[in-house]
Amino acid sequence: MAATVLSTKRAIEMSVFVVQAFVRLRDMLATNGKVASKLLELERHLKGHDASIQAIIEAIHELMAPEPRKRRRIGFRAPARALKAR
């Protein structure tokens, strides 16, 4: 710890900053551990439901896919009667 050797205001601030960083790191690791354990629990619980979940996901993808638009031809089309009169 630089604060014990240097004994300056900046060294003390940096020492506090390092301690706070380690505290945050410990909290993040604890939180991620909880999330990981919950995920494993969920995976164990839903192990037999893979086919059903996959079918639901495929159905959602089908519903999300836009229908192909019908394209109209560009330009003028004369009625059939006008063509026969010529």
N, C-alpha and C. Protein backbone atom coordinates (compact mmCIF):
# COMPACT_ATOMS: atom_id res chain seq x y z
N MET A 1 0.85 -1.17 0.00
CA MET A 1 0.00 0.00 0.00
C MET A 1 0.90 1.24 0.00
N ALA A 2 0.68 2.06 -1.00
CA ALA A 2 1.50 3.26 -1.15
C ALA A 2 1.24 4.28 -0.05
N ALA A 3 0.04 4.27 0.53
CA ALA A 3 -0.30 5.27 1.54
C ALA A 3 0.54 5.12 2.79
N THR A 4 0.95 3.91 3.12
CA THR A 4 1.77 3.71 4.32
C THR A 4 3.19 4.20 4.12
N VAL A 5 3.66 4.20 2.87
CA VAL A 5 5.02 4.63 2.58
C VAL A 5 5.08 6.12 2.25
N LEU A 6 4.18 6.57 1.39
CA LEU A 6 4.25 7.95 0.91
C LEU A 6 3.54 8.94 1.83
N SER A 7 2.45 8.55 2.40
CA SER A 7 1.72 9.39 3.34
C SER A 7 1.30 10.73 2.73
N THR A 8 0.86 10.67 1.44
CA THR A 8 0.35 11.88 0.81
C THR A 8 -1.14 11.71 0.57
N LYS A 9 -1.80 12.82 0.30
CA LYS A 9 -3.25 12.77 0.07
C LYS A 9 -3.57 11.89 -1.14
N ARG A 10 -2.81 12.04 -2.20
CA ARG A 10 -3.02 11.25 -3.42
C ARG A 10 -2.80 9.76 -3.16
N ALA A 11 -1.78 9.40 -2.40
CA ALA A 11 -1.50 8.00 -2.08
C ALA A 11 -2.65 7.41 -1.26
N ILE A 12 -3.19 8.18 -0.35
CA ILE A 12 -4.31 7.70 0.46
C ILE A 12 -5.54 7.50 -0.41
N GLU A 13 -5.80 8.44 -1.34
CA GLU A 13 -6.94 8.30 -2.25
C GLU A 13 -6.81 7.04 -3.10
N MET A 14 -5.62 6.79 -3.61
CA MET A 14 -5.39 5.61 -4.43
C MET A 14 -5.54 4.33 -3.62
N SER A 15 -5.10 4.35 -2.39
CA SER A 15 -5.24 3.19 -1.52
C SER A 15 -6.72 2.86 -1.29
N VAL A 16 -7.51 3.90 -1.02
CA VAL A 16 -8.96 3.72 -0.83
C VAL A 16 -9.59 3.21 -2.12
N PHE A 17 -9.15 3.76 -3.26
CA PHE A 17 -9.68 3.34 -4.55
C PHE A 17 -9.43 1.85 -4.80
N VAL A 18 -8.22 1.39 -4.48
CA VAL A 18 -7.88 -0.03 -4.67
C VAL A 18 -8.74 -0.92 -3.78
N VAL A 19 -8.94 -0.52 -2.54
CA VAL A 19 -9.77 -1.32 -1.63
C VAL A 19 -11.20 -1.37 -2.15
N GLN A 20 -11.73 -0.24 -2.62
CA GLN A 20 -13.09 -0.22 -3.16
C GLN A 20 -13.22 -1.10 -4.40
N ALA A 21 -12.19 -1.11 -5.21
CA ALA A 21 -12.21 -1.96 -6.40
C ALA A 21 -12.28 -3.43 -6.02
N PHE A 22 -11.52 -3.83 -5.02
CA PHE A 22 -11.56 -5.23 -4.58
C PHE A 22 -12.90 -5.57 -3.95
N VAL A 23 -13.51 -4.65 -3.25
CA VAL A 23 -14.83 -4.89 -2.67
C VAL A 23 -15.86 -5.08 -3.78
N ARG A 24 -15.80 -4.22 -4.80
CA ARG A 24 -16.72 -4.37 -5.95
C ARG A 24 -16.50 -5.69 -6.66
N LEU A 25 -15.25 -6.08 -6.83
CA LEU A 25 -14.93 -7.34 -7.48
C LEU A 25 -15.51 -8.51 -6.70
N ARG A 26 -15.36 -8.47 -5.38
CA ARG A 26 -15.92 -9.53 -4.54
C ARG A 26 -17.44 -9.59 -4.68
N ASP A 27 -18.10 -8.44 -4.69
CA ASP A 27 -19.56 -8.40 -4.85
C ASP A 27 -19.99 -8.95 -6.20
N MET A 28 -19.24 -8.58 -7.27
CA MET A 28 -19.59 -9.09 -8.60
C MET A 28 -19.42 -10.60 -8.68
N LEU A 29 -18.37 -11.12 -8.08
CA LEU A 29 -18.17 -12.56 -8.10
C LEU A 29 -19.27 -13.28 -7.33
N ALA A 30 -19.69 -12.71 -6.22
CA ALA A 30 -20.76 -13.32 -5.44
C ALA A 30 -22.07 -13.29 -6.23
N THR A 31 -22.35 -12.18 -6.89
CA THR A 31 -23.57 -12.06 -7.68
C THR A 31 -23.55 -13.03 -8.85
N ASN A 32 -22.42 -13.10 -9.56
CA ASN A 32 -22.32 -14.00 -10.69
C ASN A 32 -22.42 -15.45 -10.26
N GLY A 33 -21.92 -15.76 -9.08
CA GLY A 33 -22.05 -17.12 -8.56
C GLY A 33 -23.51 -17.48 -8.32
N LYS A 34 -24.28 -16.53 -7.81
CA LYS A 34 -25.70 -16.77 -7.60
C LYS A 34 -26.42 -16.96 -8.92
N VAL A 35 -26.08 -16.13 -9.90
CA VAL A 35 -26.70 -16.25 -11.22
C VAL A 35 -26.35 -17.59 -11.85
N ALA A 36 -25.10 -17.99 -11.73
CA ALA A 36 -24.67 -19.27 -12.31
C ALA A 36 -25.39 -20.44 -11.65
N SER A 37 -25.55 -20.39 -10.34
CA SER A 37 -26.25 -21.49 -9.66
C SER A 37 -27.72 -21.53 -10.05
N LYS A 38 -28.34 -20.37 -10.21
CA LYS A 38 -29.74 -20.32 -10.64
C LYS A 38 -29.88 -20.86 -12.06
N LEU A 39 -28.92 -20.54 -12.92
CA LEU A 39 -28.95 -21.03 -14.29
C LEU A 39 -28.82 -22.55 -14.32
N LEU A 40 -27.92 -23.09 -13.54
CA LEU A 40 -27.77 -24.55 -13.46
C LEU A 40 -29.05 -25.21 -12.95
N GLU A 41 -29.66 -24.59 -11.96
CA GLU A 41 -30.92 -25.12 -11.42
C GLU A 41 -32.01 -25.11 -12.49
N LEU A 42 -32.08 -24.03 -13.26
CA LEU A 42 -33.06 -23.92 -14.34
C LEU A 42 -32.79 -24.96 -15.42
N GLU A 43 -31.53 -25.16 -15.77
CA GLU A 43 -31.18 -26.16 -16.78
C GLU A 43 -31.58 -27.56 -16.33
N ARG A 44 -31.33 -27.87 -15.07
CA ARG A 44 -31.72 -29.18 -14.55
C ARG A 44 -33.24 -29.35 -14.57
N HIS A 45 -33.94 -28.30 -14.26
CA HIS A 45 -35.41 -28.36 -14.20
C HIS A 45 -36.02 -28.51 -15.59
N LEU A 46 -35.42 -27.87 -16.58
CA LEU A 46 -36.00 -27.86 -17.92
C LEU A 46 -35.34 -28.85 -18.88
N LYS A 47 -34.57 -29.77 -18.36
CA LYS A 47 -33.81 -30.69 -19.21
C LYS A 47 -34.71 -31.45 -20.17
N GLY A 48 -35.88 -31.88 -19.73
CA GLY A 48 -36.79 -32.66 -20.57
C GLY A 48 -37.64 -31.82 -21.50
N HIS A 49 -37.57 -30.52 -21.40
CA HIS A 49 -38.45 -29.66 -22.18
C HIS A 49 -37.79 -29.08 -23.42
N ASP A 50 -36.63 -29.59 -23.80
CA ASP A 50 -35.88 -29.02 -24.92
C ASP A 50 -36.67 -29.03 -26.22
N ALA A 51 -37.32 -30.15 -26.54
CA ALA A 51 -38.06 -30.25 -27.80
C ALA A 51 -39.23 -29.28 -27.83
N SER A 52 -39.91 -29.15 -26.71
CA SER A 52 -41.05 -28.23 -26.65
C SER A 52 -40.58 -26.78 -26.80
N ILE A 53 -39.51 -26.45 -26.13
CA ILE A 53 -38.98 -25.08 -26.21
C ILE A 53 -38.52 -24.79 -27.64
N GLN A 54 -37.87 -25.75 -28.27
CA GLN A 54 -37.41 -25.55 -29.65
C GLN A 54 -38.60 -25.35 -30.58
N ALA A 55 -39.68 -26.09 -30.39
CA ALA A 55 -40.87 -25.93 -31.23
C ALA A 55 -41.48 -24.54 -31.03
N ILE A 56 -41.49 -24.07 -29.80
CA ILE A 56 -42.03 -22.73 -29.52
C ILE A 56 -41.17 -21.67 -30.19
N ILE A 57 -39.87 -21.81 -30.10
CA ILE A 57 -38.96 -20.83 -30.72
C ILE A 57 -39.14 -20.81 -32.23
N GLU A 58 -39.29 -21.98 -32.84
CA GLU A 58 -39.50 -22.03 -34.29
C GLU A 58 -40.82 -21.37 -34.67
N ALA A 59 -41.87 -21.59 -33.87
CA ALA A 59 -43.16 -20.97 -34.15
C ALA A 59 -43.06 -19.45 -34.03
N ILE A 60 -42.32 -18.96 -33.07
CA ILE A 60 -42.13 -17.52 -32.90
C ILE A 60 -41.39 -16.94 -34.10
N HIS A 61 -40.36 -17.66 -34.57
CA HIS A 61 -39.62 -17.19 -35.74
C HIS A 61 -40.52 -17.12 -36.97
N GLU A 62 -41.40 -18.10 -37.13
CA GLU A 62 -42.33 -18.09 -38.27
C GLU A 62 -43.28 -16.91 -38.18
N LEU A 63 -43.75 -16.62 -36.98
CA LEU A 63 -44.66 -15.48 -36.81
C LEU A 63 -43.96 -14.15 -37.03
N MET A 64 -42.67 -14.09 -36.73
CA MET A 64 -41.92 -12.85 -36.89
C MET A 64 -41.51 -12.60 -38.33
N ALA A 65 -41.45 -13.63 -39.15
CA ALA A 65 -41.00 -13.48 -40.54
C ALA A 65 -42.07 -12.73 -41.32
N PRO A 66 -41.69 -11.69 -42.04
CA PRO A 66 -42.67 -10.93 -42.82
C PRO A 66 -43.13 -11.74 -44.03
N GLU A 67 -44.39 -11.56 -44.38
CA GLU A 67 -44.91 -12.24 -45.56
C GLU A 67 -44.36 -11.55 -46.80
N PRO A 68 -44.07 -12.31 -47.84
CA PRO A 68 -43.57 -11.68 -49.06
C PRO A 68 -44.64 -10.78 -49.66
N ARG A 69 -44.23 -9.59 -50.07
CA ARG A 69 -45.19 -8.64 -50.64
C ARG A 69 -45.48 -9.01 -52.08
N LYS A 70 -46.74 -8.82 -52.47
CA LYS A 70 -47.11 -9.03 -53.86
C LYS A 70 -46.72 -7.77 -54.62
N ARG A 71 -45.94 -7.94 -55.66
CA ARG A 71 -45.45 -6.80 -56.41
C ARG A 71 -46.37 -6.54 -57.61
N ARG A 72 -46.71 -5.29 -57.75
CA ARG A 72 -47.49 -4.89 -58.92
C ARG A 72 -46.53 -4.51 -60.04
N ARG A 73 -46.95 -4.79 -61.25
CA ARG A 73 -46.15 -4.40 -62.40
C ARG A 73 -46.24 -2.91 -62.59
N ILE A 74 -45.13 -2.33 -63.00
CA ILE A 74 -45.08 -0.89 -63.24
C ILE A 74 -45.40 -0.63 -64.71
N GLY A 75 -46.20 0.38 -64.96
CA GLY A 75 -46.51 0.76 -66.34
C GLY A 75 -48.00 0.72 -66.64
N PHE A 76 -48.33 1.10 -67.84
CA PHE A 76 -49.72 1.16 -68.27
C PHE A 76 -50.09 -0.14 -68.95
N ARG A 77 -51.28 -0.65 -68.63
CA ARG A 77 -51.78 -1.86 -69.28
C ARG A 77 -53.09 -1.48 -69.96
N ALA A 78 -53.13 -1.65 -71.23
CA ALA A 78 -54.34 -1.33 -71.99
C ALA A 78 -55.37 -2.45 -71.82
N PRO A 79 -56.63 -2.08 -71.77
CA PRO A 79 -57.67 -3.12 -71.67
C PRO A 79 -57.65 -4.01 -72.91
N ALA A 80 -58.12 -5.22 -72.81
CA ALA A 80 -58.09 -6.18 -73.89
C ALA A 80 -58.95 -5.69 -75.06
N ARG A 81 -60.04 -4.98 -74.80
CA ARG A 81 -60.91 -4.48 -75.86
C ARG A 81 -60.18 -3.50 -76.77
N ALA A 82 -59.35 -2.65 -76.19
CA ALA A 82 -58.63 -1.64 -76.99
C ALA A 82 -57.63 -2.29 -77.91
N LEU A 83 -57.06 -3.40 -77.53
CA LEU A 83 -56.09 -4.08 -78.37
C LEU A 83 -56.79 -4.74 -79.58
N LYS A 84 -58.01 -5.25 -79.39
CA LYS A 84 -58.72 -5.93 -80.47
C LYS A 84 -59.25 -4.92 -81.50
N ALA A 85 -59.50 -3.68 -81.10
CA ALA A 85 -60.05 -2.67 -82.00
C ALA A 85 -59.04 -2.22 -83.04
N ARG A 86 -57.83 -2.41 -82.86
CA ARG A 86 -56.79 -1.95 -83.81
C ARG A 86 -56.78 -2.78 -85.01
